[in-house]
């Protein structure tokens, strides 16, 4: 699962594919999400192929991605789907498409 929405970062780079790479739940404290954002879905697909060993070589250049942490109030029943729903409550991801 991921979110699709064009977001222009302060440095001018436009990212449109966003996935949760890590979710940490600190019991009774907070939920932290690490979101990796890519220029496009193609970049993530290339990365998956590399991780699966389908792309080999010594000089492989992985696609650009940017990581950002988001912190939310603690919830004792958070799921990955719920985490994507939380992201869409933020102005930055408002109106994002589930993919």
PDB file of N, CA and C in Angstrom:
ATOM      1  N   UNK A   1       0.842  -1.174   0.000  1.00  0.00           N
ATOM      2  CA  UNK A   1       0.000   0.000   0.000  1.00  0.00           C
ATOM      3  C   UNK A   1       0.888   1.239   0.000  1.00  0.00           C
ATOM      4  N   UNK A   2       0.395   2.309  -0.555  1.00  0.00           N
ATOM      5  CA  UNK A   2       1.103   3.583  -0.595  1.00  0.00           C
ATOM      6  C   UNK A   2       0.094   4.684  -0.875  1.00  0.00           C
ATOM      7  N   UNK A   3       0.587   5.902  -0.865  1.00  0.00           N
ATOM      8  CA  UNK A   3      -0.247   7.053  -1.206  1.00  0.00           C
ATOM      9  C   UNK A   3       0.334   7.739  -2.428  1.00  0.00           C
ATOM     10  N   UNK A   4      -0.554   8.262  -3.271  1.00  0.00           N
ATOM     11  CA  UNK A   4      -0.120   8.995  -4.455  1.00  0.00           C
ATOM     12  C   UNK A   4      -0.671  10.416  -4.360  1.00  0.00           C
ATOM     13  N   UNK A   5       0.261  11.360  -4.351  1.00  0.00           N
ATOM     14  CA  UNK A   5      -0.098  12.774  -4.369  1.00  0.00           C
ATOM     15  C   UNK A   5       1.167  13.553  -4.679  1.00  0.00           C
ATOM     16  N   UNK A   6       1.066  14.514  -5.591  1.00  0.00           N
ATOM     17  CA  UNK A   6       2.223  15.348  -5.910  1.00  0.00           C
ATOM     18  C   UNK A   6       2.416  16.366  -4.797  1.00  0.00           C
ATOM     19  N   UNK A   7       3.587  16.308  -4.197  1.00  0.00           N
ATOM     20  CA  UNK A   7       3.949  17.228  -3.124  1.00  0.00           C
ATOM     21  C   UNK A   7       5.277  17.868  -3.498  1.00  0.00           C
ATOM     22  N   UNK A   8       5.300  19.191  -3.538  1.00  0.00           N
ATOM     23  CA  UNK A   8       6.536  19.907  -3.829  1.00  0.00           C
ATOM     24  C   UNK A   8       7.200  20.270  -2.510  1.00  0.00           C
ATOM     25  N   UNK A   9       8.415  19.790  -2.325  1.00  0.00           N
ATOM     26  CA  UNK A   9       9.181  20.041  -1.107  1.00  0.00           C
ATOM     27  C   UNK A   9       9.806  21.439  -1.158  1.00  0.00           C
ATOM     28  N   UNK A  10      10.234  21.976  -0.021  1.00  0.00           N
ATOM     29  CA  UNK A  10      10.828  23.322   0.005  1.00  0.00           C
ATOM     30  C   UNK A  10      12.030  23.485  -0.934  1.00  0.00           C
ATOM     31  N   UNK A  11      12.735  22.372  -1.240  1.00  0.00           N
ATOM     32  CA  UNK A  11      13.882  22.447  -2.148  1.00  0.00           C
ATOM     33  C   UNK A  11      13.476  22.414  -3.622  1.00  0.00           C
ATOM     34  N   UNK A  12      12.157  22.335  -3.889  1.00  0.00           N
ATOM     35  CA  UNK A  12      11.652  22.358  -5.262  1.00  0.00           C
ATOM     36  C   UNK A  12      11.420  20.995  -5.875  1.00  0.00           C
ATOM     37  N   UNK A  13      11.875  19.933  -5.219  1.00  0.00           N
ATOM     38  CA  UNK A  13      11.684  18.588  -5.754  1.00  0.00           C
ATOM     39  C   UNK A  13      10.227  18.174  -5.556  1.00  0.00           C
ATOM     40  N   UNK A  14       9.639  17.612  -6.615  1.00  0.00           N
ATOM     41  CA  UNK A  14       8.256  17.162  -6.553  1.00  0.00           C
ATOM     42  C   UNK A  14       8.230  15.636  -6.394  1.00  0.00           C
ATOM     43  N   UNK A  15       7.618  15.183  -5.310  1.00  0.00           N
ATOM     44  CA  UNK A  15       7.520  13.759  -5.001  1.00  0.00           C
ATOM     45  C   UNK A  15       6.060  13.348  -5.091  1.00  0.00           C
ATOM     46  N   UNK A  16       5.803  12.116  -5.611  1.00  0.00           N
ATOM     47  CA  UNK A  16       4.397  11.738  -5.756  1.00  0.00           C
ATOM     48  C   UNK A  16       4.048  10.353  -5.238  1.00  0.00           C
ATOM     49  N   UNK A  17       5.011   9.557  -4.818  1.00  0.00           N
ATOM     50  CA  UNK A  17       4.736   8.214  -4.312  1.00  0.00           C
ATOM     51  C   UNK A  17       5.262   8.141  -2.890  1.00  0.00           C
ATOM     52  N   UNK A  18       4.384   7.818  -1.939  1.00  0.00           N
ATOM     53  CA  UNK A  18       4.727   7.864  -0.526  1.00  0.00           C
ATOM     54  C   UNK A  18       4.326   6.546   0.137  1.00  0.00           C
ATOM     55  N   UNK A  19       5.296   5.927   0.831  1.00  0.00           N
ATOM     56  CA  UNK A  19       5.003   4.667   1.505  1.00  0.00           C
ATOM     57  C   UNK A  19       5.514   4.699   2.936  1.00  0.00           C
ATOM     58  N   UNK A  20       4.848   3.975   3.807  1.00  0.00           N
ATOM     59  CA  UNK A  20       5.312   3.850   5.180  1.00  0.00           C
ATOM     60  C   UNK A  20       6.416   2.799   5.181  1.00  0.00           C
ATOM     61  N   UNK A  21       7.604   3.204   5.596  1.00  0.00           N
ATOM     62  CA  UNK A  21       8.744   2.295   5.641  1.00  0.00           C
ATOM     63  C   UNK A  21       8.916   1.707   7.035  1.00  0.00           C
ATOM     64  N   UNK A  22       8.423   2.415   8.058  1.00  0.00           N
ATOM     65  CA  UNK A  22       8.566   1.945   9.431  1.00  0.00           C
ATOM     66  C   UNK A  22       7.462   2.547  10.289  1.00  0.00           C
ATOM     67  N   UNK A  23       6.962   1.731  11.197  1.00  0.00           N
ATOM     68  CA  UNK A  23       5.997   2.215  12.175  1.00  0.00           C
ATOM     69  C   UNK A  23       6.471   1.755  13.549  1.00  0.00           C
ATOM     70  N   UNK A  24       6.608   2.702  14.472  1.00  0.00           N
ATOM     71  CA  UNK A  24       7.020   2.392  15.826  1.00  0.00           C
ATOM     72  C   UNK A  24       5.926   2.846  16.775  1.00  0.00           C
ATOM     73  N   UNK A  25       5.531   1.952  17.666  1.00  0.00           N
ATOM     74  CA  UNK A  25       4.517   2.281  18.658  1.00  0.00           C
ATOM     75  C   UNK A  25       5.176   2.280  20.027  1.00  0.00           C
ATOM     76  N   UNK A  26       5.203   3.432  20.646  1.00  0.00           N
ATOM     77  CA  UNK A  26       5.685   3.550  22.020  1.00  0.00           C
ATOM     78  C   UNK A  26       4.448   3.481  22.903  1.00  0.00           C
ATOM     79  N   UNK A  27       4.280   2.363  23.599  1.00  0.00           N
ATOM     80  CA  UNK A  27       3.059   2.079  24.360  1.00  0.00           C
ATOM     81  C   UNK A  27       2.738   3.226  25.304  1.00  0.00           C
ATOM     82  N   UNK A  28       1.497   3.666  25.212  1.00  0.00           N
ATOM     83  CA  UNK A  28       0.951   4.767  26.014  1.00  0.00           C
ATOM     84  C   UNK A  28       1.639   6.108  25.760  1.00  0.00           C
ATOM     85  N   UNK A  29       2.436   6.222  24.691  1.00  0.00           N
ATOM     86  CA  UNK A  29       3.150   7.464  24.408  1.00  0.00           C
ATOM     87  C   UNK A  29       2.788   8.046  23.035  1.00  0.00           C
ATOM     88  N   UNK A  30       3.224   7.360  21.977  1.00  0.00           N
ATOM     89  CA  UNK A  30       3.014   7.889  20.625  1.00  0.00           C
ATOM     90  C   UNK A  30       3.222   6.817  19.573  1.00  0.00           C
ATOM     91  N   UNK A  31       2.789   7.121  18.363  1.00  0.00           N
ATOM     92  CA  UNK A  31       3.067   6.302  17.188  1.00  0.00           C
ATOM     93  C   UNK A  31       3.919   7.148  16.253  1.00  0.00           C
ATOM     94  N   UNK A  32       5.014   6.581  15.772  1.00  0.00           N
ATOM     95  CA  UNK A  32       5.909   7.284  14.863  1.00  0.00           C
ATOM     96  C   UNK A  32       5.943   6.533  13.540  1.00  0.00           C
ATOM     97  N   UNK A  33       5.787   7.278  12.453  1.00  0.00           N
ATOM     98  CA  UNK A  33       5.839   6.706  11.107  1.00  0.00           C
ATOM     99  C   UNK A  33       7.011   7.297  10.352  1.00  0.00           C
ATOM    100  N   UNK A  34       7.780   6.444   9.689  1.00  0.00           N
ATOM    101  CA  UNK A  34       8.798   6.898   8.747  1.00  0.00           C
ATOM    102  C   UNK A  34       8.199   6.731   7.358  1.00  0.00           C
ATOM    103  N   UNK A  35       8.045   7.828   6.653  1.00  0.00           N
ATOM    104  CA  UNK A  35       7.479   7.806   5.308  1.00  0.00           C
ATOM    105  C   UNK A  35       8.592   8.066   4.307  1.00  0.00           C
ATOM    106  N   UNK A  36       8.741   7.166   3.352  1.00  0.00           N
ATOM    107  CA  UNK A  36       9.684   7.329   2.252  1.00  0.00           C
ATOM    108  C   UNK A  36       8.900   7.841   1.049  1.00  0.00           C
ATOM    109  N   UNK A  37       9.362   8.929   0.465  1.00  0.00           N
ATOM    110  CA  UNK A  37       8.688   9.533  -0.684  1.00  0.00           C
ATOM    111  C   UNK A  37       9.620   9.482  -1.892  1.00  0.00           C
ATOM    112  N   UNK A  38       9.056   9.150  -3.035  1.00  0.00           N
ATOM    113  CA  UNK A  38       9.800   8.948  -4.284  1.00  0.00           C
ATOM    114  C   UNK A  38       9.277   9.899  -5.356  1.00  0.00           C
ATOM    115  N   UNK A  39      10.105  10.110  -6.376  1.00  0.00           N
ATOM    116  CA  UNK A  39       9.678  10.942  -7.504  1.00  0.00           C
ATOM    117  C   UNK A  39       8.452  10.342  -8.187  1.00  0.00           C
ATOM    118  N   UNK A  40       8.423   9.003  -8.263  1.00  0.00           N
ATOM    119  CA  UNK A  40       7.306   8.321  -8.899  1.00  0.00           C
ATOM    120  C   UNK A  40       7.239   6.882  -8.399  1.00  0.00           C
ATOM    121  N   UNK A  41       6.185   6.196  -8.746  1.00  0.00           N
ATOM    122  CA  UNK A  41       6.033   4.788  -8.387  1.00  0.00           C
ATOM    123  C   UNK A  41       7.104   3.929  -9.055  1.00  0.00           C
ATOM    124  N   UNK A  42       7.563   4.355 -10.227  1.00  0.00           N
ATOM    125  CA  UNK A  42       8.613   3.614 -10.938  1.00  0.00           C
ATOM    126  C   UNK A  42       9.881   3.493 -10.095  1.00  0.00           C
ATOM    127  N   UNK A  43      10.213   4.536  -9.359  1.00  0.00           N
ATOM    128  CA  UNK A  43      11.393   4.500  -8.498  1.00  0.00           C
ATOM    129  C   UNK A  43      11.277   3.433  -7.429  1.00  0.00           C
ATOM    130  N   UNK A  44      10.109   3.316  -6.832  1.00  0.00           N
ATOM    131  CA  UNK A  44       9.901   2.286  -5.815  1.00  0.00           C
ATOM    132  C   UNK A  44       9.960   0.900  -6.438  1.00  0.00           C
ATOM    133  N   UNK A  45       9.401   0.724  -7.619  1.00  0.00           N
ATOM    134  CA  UNK A  45       9.433  -0.575  -8.295  1.00  0.00           C
ATOM    135  C   UNK A  45      10.875  -0.983  -8.600  1.00  0.00           C
ATOM    136  N   UNK A  46      11.694  -0.047  -9.028  1.00  0.00           N
ATOM    137  CA  UNK A  46      13.109  -0.320  -9.290  1.00  0.00           C
ATOM    138  C   UNK A  46      13.789  -0.763  -8.002  1.00  0.00           C
ATOM    139  N   UNK A  47      13.505  -0.073  -6.905  1.00  0.00           N
ATOM    140  CA  UNK A  47      14.086  -0.411  -5.609  1.00  0.00           C
ATOM    141  C   UNK A  47      13.676  -1.828  -5.181  1.00  0.00           C
ATOM    142  N   UNK A  48      12.416  -2.190  -5.390  1.00  0.00           N
ATOM    143  CA  UNK A  48      11.939  -3.544  -5.059  1.00  0.00           C
ATOM    144  C   UNK A  48      12.670  -4.592  -5.881  1.00  0.00           C
ATOM    145  N   UNK A  49      12.868  -4.314  -7.167  1.00  0.00           N
ATOM    146  CA  UNK A  49      13.579  -5.252  -8.038  1.00  0.00           C
ATOM    147  C   UNK A  49      15.018  -5.436  -7.562  1.00  0.00           C
ATOM    148  N   UNK A  50      15.656  -4.361  -7.150  1.00  0.00           N
ATOM    149  CA  UNK A  50      17.022  -4.435  -6.634  1.00  0.00           C
ATOM    150  C   UNK A  50      17.066  -5.270  -5.352  1.00  0.00           C
ATOM    151  N   UNK A  51      16.126  -5.012  -4.439  1.00  0.00           N
ATOM    152  CA  UNK A  51      16.072  -5.756  -3.182  1.00  0.00           C
ATOM    153  C   UNK A  51      15.825  -7.246  -3.411  1.00  0.00           C
ATOM    154  N   UNK A  52      15.090  -7.584  -4.472  1.00  0.00           N
ATOM    155  CA  UNK A  52      14.788  -8.979  -4.796  1.00  0.00           C
ATOM    156  C   UNK A  52      15.938  -9.654  -5.564  1.00  0.00           C
ATOM    157  N   UNK A  53      16.972  -8.905  -5.892  1.00  0.00           N
ATOM    158  CA  UNK A  53      18.109  -9.477  -6.609  1.00  0.00           C
ATOM    159  C   UNK A  53      17.918  -9.533  -8.107  1.00  0.00           C
ATOM    160  N   UNK A  54      16.875  -8.880  -8.613  1.00  0.00           N
ATOM    161  CA  UNK A  54      16.609  -8.893 -10.053  1.00  0.00           C
ATOM    162  C   UNK A  54      17.502  -7.910 -10.809  1.00  0.00           C
ATOM    163  N   UNK A  55      18.093  -6.963 -10.108  1.00  0.00           N
ATOM    164  CA  UNK A  55      19.018  -6.002 -10.700  1.00  0.00           C
ATOM    165  C   UNK A  55      20.362  -6.220 -10.030  1.00  0.00           C
ATOM    166  N   UNK A  56      21.354  -6.484 -10.842  1.00  0.00           N
ATOM    167  CA  UNK A  56      22.682  -6.789 -10.311  1.00  0.00           C
ATOM    168  C   UNK A  56      23.704  -5.819 -10.871  1.00  0.00           C
ATOM    169  N   UNK A  57      24.818  -5.734 -10.207  1.00  0.00           N
ATOM    170  CA  UNK A  57      25.902  -4.885 -10.683  1.00  0.00           C
ATOM    171  C   UNK A  57      26.552  -4.146  -9.540  1.00  0.00           C
ATOM    172  N   UNK A  58      27.730  -3.640  -9.808  1.00  0.00           N
ATOM    173  CA  UNK A  58      28.481  -2.917  -8.787  1.00  0.00           C
ATOM    174  C   UNK A  58      28.179  -1.426  -8.765  1.00  0.00           C
ATOM    175  N   UNK A  59      27.673  -0.919  -9.857  1.00  0.00           N
ATOM    176  CA  UNK A  59      27.439   0.523  -9.975  1.00  0.00           C
ATOM    177  C   UNK A  59      25.954   0.849 -10.095  1.00  0.00           C
ATOM    178  N   UNK A  60      25.133   0.205  -9.291  1.00  0.00           N
ATOM    179  CA  UNK A  60      23.688   0.442  -9.333  1.00  0.00           C
ATOM    180  C   UNK A  60      23.387   1.755  -8.613  1.00  0.00           C
ATOM    181  N   UNK A  61      22.631   2.601  -9.252  1.00  0.00           N
ATOM    182  CA  UNK A  61      22.194   3.848  -8.631  1.00  0.00           C
ATOM    183  C   UNK A  61      20.726   3.695  -8.268  1.00  0.00           C
ATOM    184  N   UNK A  62      20.453   3.734  -6.976  1.00  0.00           N
ATOM    185  CA  UNK A  62      19.068   3.612  -6.526  1.00  0.00           C
ATOM    186  C   UNK A  62      18.332   4.925  -6.740  1.00  0.00           C
ATOM    187  N   UNK A  63      17.031   4.859  -6.938  1.00  0.00           N
ATOM    188  CA  UNK A  63      16.263   6.073  -7.204  1.00  0.00           C
ATOM    189  C   UNK A  63      16.225   7.004  -5.989  1.00  0.00           C
ATOM    190  N   UNK A  64      16.020   8.272  -6.271  1.00  0.00           N
ATOM    191  CA  UNK A  64      15.928   9.267  -5.210  1.00  0.00           C
ATOM    192  C   UNK A  64      14.718   8.973  -4.331  1.00  0.00           C
ATOM    193  N   UNK A  65      14.929   9.054  -3.030  1.00  0.00           N
ATOM    194  CA  UNK A  65      13.811   9.033  -2.098  1.00  0.00           C
ATOM    195  C   UNK A  65      14.189   9.860  -0.890  1.00  0.00           C
ATOM    196  N   UNK A  66      13.177  10.343  -0.225  1.00  0.00           N
ATOM    197  CA  UNK A  66      13.366  11.210   0.933  1.00  0.00           C
ATOM    198  C   UNK A  66      12.551  10.648   2.086  1.00  0.00           C
ATOM    199  N   UNK A  67      13.154  10.549   3.255  1.00  0.00           N
ATOM    200  CA  UNK A  67      12.456  10.036   4.429  1.00  0.00           C
ATOM    201  C   UNK A  67      12.094  11.141   5.389  1.00  0.00           C
ATOM    202  N   UNK A  68      10.907  11.013   5.978  1.00  0.00           N
ATOM    203  CA  UNK A  68      10.463  11.994   6.966  1.00  0.00           C
ATOM    204  C   UNK A  68       9.666  11.269   8.048  1.00  0.00           C
ATOM    205  N   UNK A  69       9.888  11.669   9.298  1.00  0.00           N
ATOM    206  CA  UNK A  69       9.182  11.082  10.431  1.00  0.00           C
ATOM    207  C   UNK A  69       7.950  11.912  10.776  1.00  0.00           C
ATOM    208  N   UNK A  70       6.869  11.204  11.110  1.00  0.00           N
ATOM    209  CA  UNK A  70       5.626  11.838  11.550  1.00  0.00           C
ATOM    210  C   UNK A  70       5.223  11.202  12.876  1.00  0.00           C
ATOM    211  N   UNK A  71       4.787  12.026  13.802  1.00  0.00           N
ATOM    212  CA  UNK A  71       4.428  11.554  15.147  1.00  0.00           C
ATOM    213  C   UNK A  71       2.940  11.799  15.396  1.00  0.00           C
ATOM    214  N   UNK A  72       2.289  10.779  15.959  1.00  0.00           N
ATOM    215  CA  UNK A  72       0.863  10.850  16.261  1.00  0.00           C
ATOM    216  C   UNK A  72       0.622  10.388  17.692  1.00  0.00           C
ATOM    217  N   UNK A  73      -0.549  10.739  18.206  1.00  0.00           N
ATOM    218  CA  UNK A  73      -0.927  10.275  19.536  1.00  0.00           C
ATOM    219  C   UNK A  73      -0.999   8.756  19.549  1.00  0.00           C
ATOM    220  N   UNK A  74      -0.770   8.171  20.693  1.00  0.00           N
ATOM    221  CA  UNK A  74      -0.801   6.723  20.869  1.00  0.00           C
ATOM    222  C   UNK A  74      -2.201   6.173  20.611  1.00  0.00           C
ATOM    223  N   UNK A  75      -2.245   5.018  19.962  1.00  0.00           N
ATOM    224  CA  UNK A  75      -3.480   4.269  19.764  1.00  0.00           C
ATOM    225  C   UNK A  75      -3.153   2.800  19.989  1.00  0.00           C
ATOM    226  N   UNK A  76      -3.959   2.134  20.783  1.00  0.00           N
ATOM    227  CA  UNK A  76      -3.642   0.737  21.107  1.00  0.00           C
ATOM    228  C   UNK A  76      -4.078  -0.252  20.030  1.00  0.00           C
ATOM    229  N   UNK A  77      -4.711   0.225  18.976  1.00  0.00           N
ATOM    230  CA  UNK A  77      -5.164  -0.692  17.925  1.00  0.00           C
ATOM    231  C   UNK A  77      -4.748  -0.234  16.524  1.00  0.00           C
ATOM    232  N   UNK A  78      -3.601   0.423  16.426  1.00  0.00           N
ATOM    233  CA  UNK A  78      -3.140   0.939  15.132  1.00  0.00           C
ATOM    234  C   UNK A  78      -2.717  -0.204  14.200  1.00  0.00           C
ATOM    235  N   UNK A  79      -3.099  -0.082  12.950  1.00  0.00           N
ATOM    236  CA  UNK A  79      -2.694  -1.007  11.890  1.00  0.00           C
ATOM    237  C   UNK A  79      -2.004  -0.192  10.798  1.00  0.00           C
ATOM    238  N   UNK A  80      -1.412  -0.870   9.843  1.00  0.00           N
ATOM    239  CA  UNK A  80      -0.788  -0.154   8.734  1.00  0.00           C
ATOM    240  C   UNK A  80      -1.844   0.638   7.966  1.00  0.00           C
ATOM    241  N   UNK A  81      -2.991   0.032   7.714  1.00  0.00           N
ATOM    242  CA  UNK A  81      -4.067   0.760   7.028  1.00  0.00           C
ATOM    243  C   UNK A  81      -4.481   1.976   7.826  1.00  0.00           C
ATOM    244  N   UNK A  82      -4.575   1.812   9.143  1.00  0.00           N
ATOM    245  CA  UNK A  82      -4.915   2.927  10.014  1.00  0.00           C
ATOM    246  C   UNK A  82      -3.847   4.008   9.977  1.00  0.00           C
ATOM    247  N   UNK A  83      -2.595   3.603   9.836  1.00  0.00           N
ATOM    248  CA  UNK A  83      -1.496   4.561   9.763  1.00  0.00           C
ATOM    249  C   UNK A  83      -1.599   5.405   8.487  1.00  0.00           C
ATOM    250  N   UNK A  84      -1.973   4.776   7.367  1.00  0.00           N
ATOM    251  CA  UNK A  84      -2.165   5.543   6.134  1.00  0.00           C
ATOM    252  C   UNK A  84      -3.339   6.508   6.294  1.00  0.00           C
ATOM    253  N   UNK A  85      -4.376   6.086   6.979  1.00  0.00           N
ATOM    254  CA  UNK A  85      -5.515   6.967   7.245  1.00  0.00           C
ATOM    255  C   UNK A  85      -5.070   8.164   8.090  1.00  0.00           C
ATOM    256  N   UNK A  86      -4.222   7.917   9.089  1.00  0.00           N
ATOM    257  CA  UNK A  86      -3.680   9.011   9.905  1.00  0.00           C
ATOM    258  C   UNK A  86      -2.901  10.003   9.045  1.00  0.00           C
ATOM    259  N   UNK A  87      -2.065   9.491   8.146  1.00  0.00           N
ATOM    260  CA  UNK A  87      -1.299  10.377   7.275  1.00  0.00           C
ATOM    261  C   UNK A  87      -2.206  11.296   6.477  1.00  0.00           C
ATOM    262  N   UNK A  88      -3.324  10.754   6.009  1.00  0.00           N
ATOM    263  CA  UNK A  88      -4.231  11.551   5.172  1.00  0.00           C
ATOM    264  C   UNK A  88      -4.970  12.622   5.968  1.00  0.00           C
ATOM    265  N   UNK A  89      -4.833  12.611   7.300  1.00  0.00           N
ATOM    266  CA  UNK A  89      -5.415  13.694   8.101  1.00  0.00           C
ATOM    267  C   UNK A  89      -4.505  14.919   8.107  1.00  0.00           C
ATOM    268  N   UNK A  90      -3.257  14.754   7.680  1.00  0.00           N
ATOM    269  CA  UNK A  90      -2.319  15.869   7.609  1.00  0.00           C
ATOM    270  C   UNK A  90      -2.557  16.666   6.335  1.00  0.00           C
ATOM    271  N   UNK A  91      -2.412  17.985   6.412  1.00  0.00           N
ATOM    272  CA  UNK A  91      -2.601  18.826   5.226  1.00  0.00           C
ATOM    273  C   UNK A  91      -1.756  18.360   4.050  1.00  0.00           C
ATOM    274  N   UNK A  92      -0.528  17.973   4.325  1.00  0.00           N
ATOM    275  CA  UNK A  92       0.407  17.537   3.279  1.00  0.00           C
ATOM    276  C   UNK A  92      -0.132  16.372   2.447  1.00  0.00           C
ATOM    277  N   UNK A  93      -0.845  15.440   3.105  1.00  0.00           N
ATOM    278  CA  UNK A  93      -1.354  14.246   2.420  1.00  0.00           C
ATOM    279  C   UNK A  93      -2.865  14.275   2.196  1.00  0.00           C
ATOM    280  N   UNK A  94      -3.502  15.370   2.540  1.00  0.00           N
ATOM    281  CA  UNK A  94      -4.954  15.480   2.347  1.00  0.00           C
ATOM    282  C   UNK A  94      -5.301  15.284   0.874  1.00  0.00           C
ATOM    283  N   UNK A  95      -6.268  14.433   0.615  1.00  0.00           N
ATOM    284  CA  UNK A  95      -6.691  14.158  -0.752  1.00  0.00           C
ATOM    285  C   UNK A  95      -5.828  13.163  -1.498  1.00  0.00           C
ATOM    286  N   UNK A  96      -4.870  12.535  -0.814  1.00  0.00           N
ATOM    287  CA  UNK A  96      -3.999  11.545  -1.462  1.00  0.00           C
ATOM    288  C   UNK A  96      -4.803  10.318  -1.861  1.00  0.00           C
ATOM    289  N   UNK A  97      -4.376   9.696  -2.938  1.00  0.00           N
ATOM    290  CA  UNK A  97      -5.021   8.491  -3.457  1.00  0.00           C
ATOM    291  C   UNK A  97      -4.327   7.250  -2.902  1.00  0.00           C
ATOM    292  N   UNK A  98      -5.107   6.269  -2.426  1.00  0.00           N
ATOM    293  CA  UNK A  98      -4.563   4.993  -1.978  1.00  0.00           C
ATOM    294  C   UNK A  98      -4.161   4.184  -3.204  1.00  0.00           C
ATOM    295  N   UNK A  99      -2.928   3.661  -3.192  1.00  0.00           N
ATOM    296  CA  UNK A  99      -2.505   2.777  -4.294  1.00  0.00           C
ATOM    297  C   UNK A  99      -1.782   1.571  -3.725  1.00  0.00           C
TER     298      UNK A  99
END
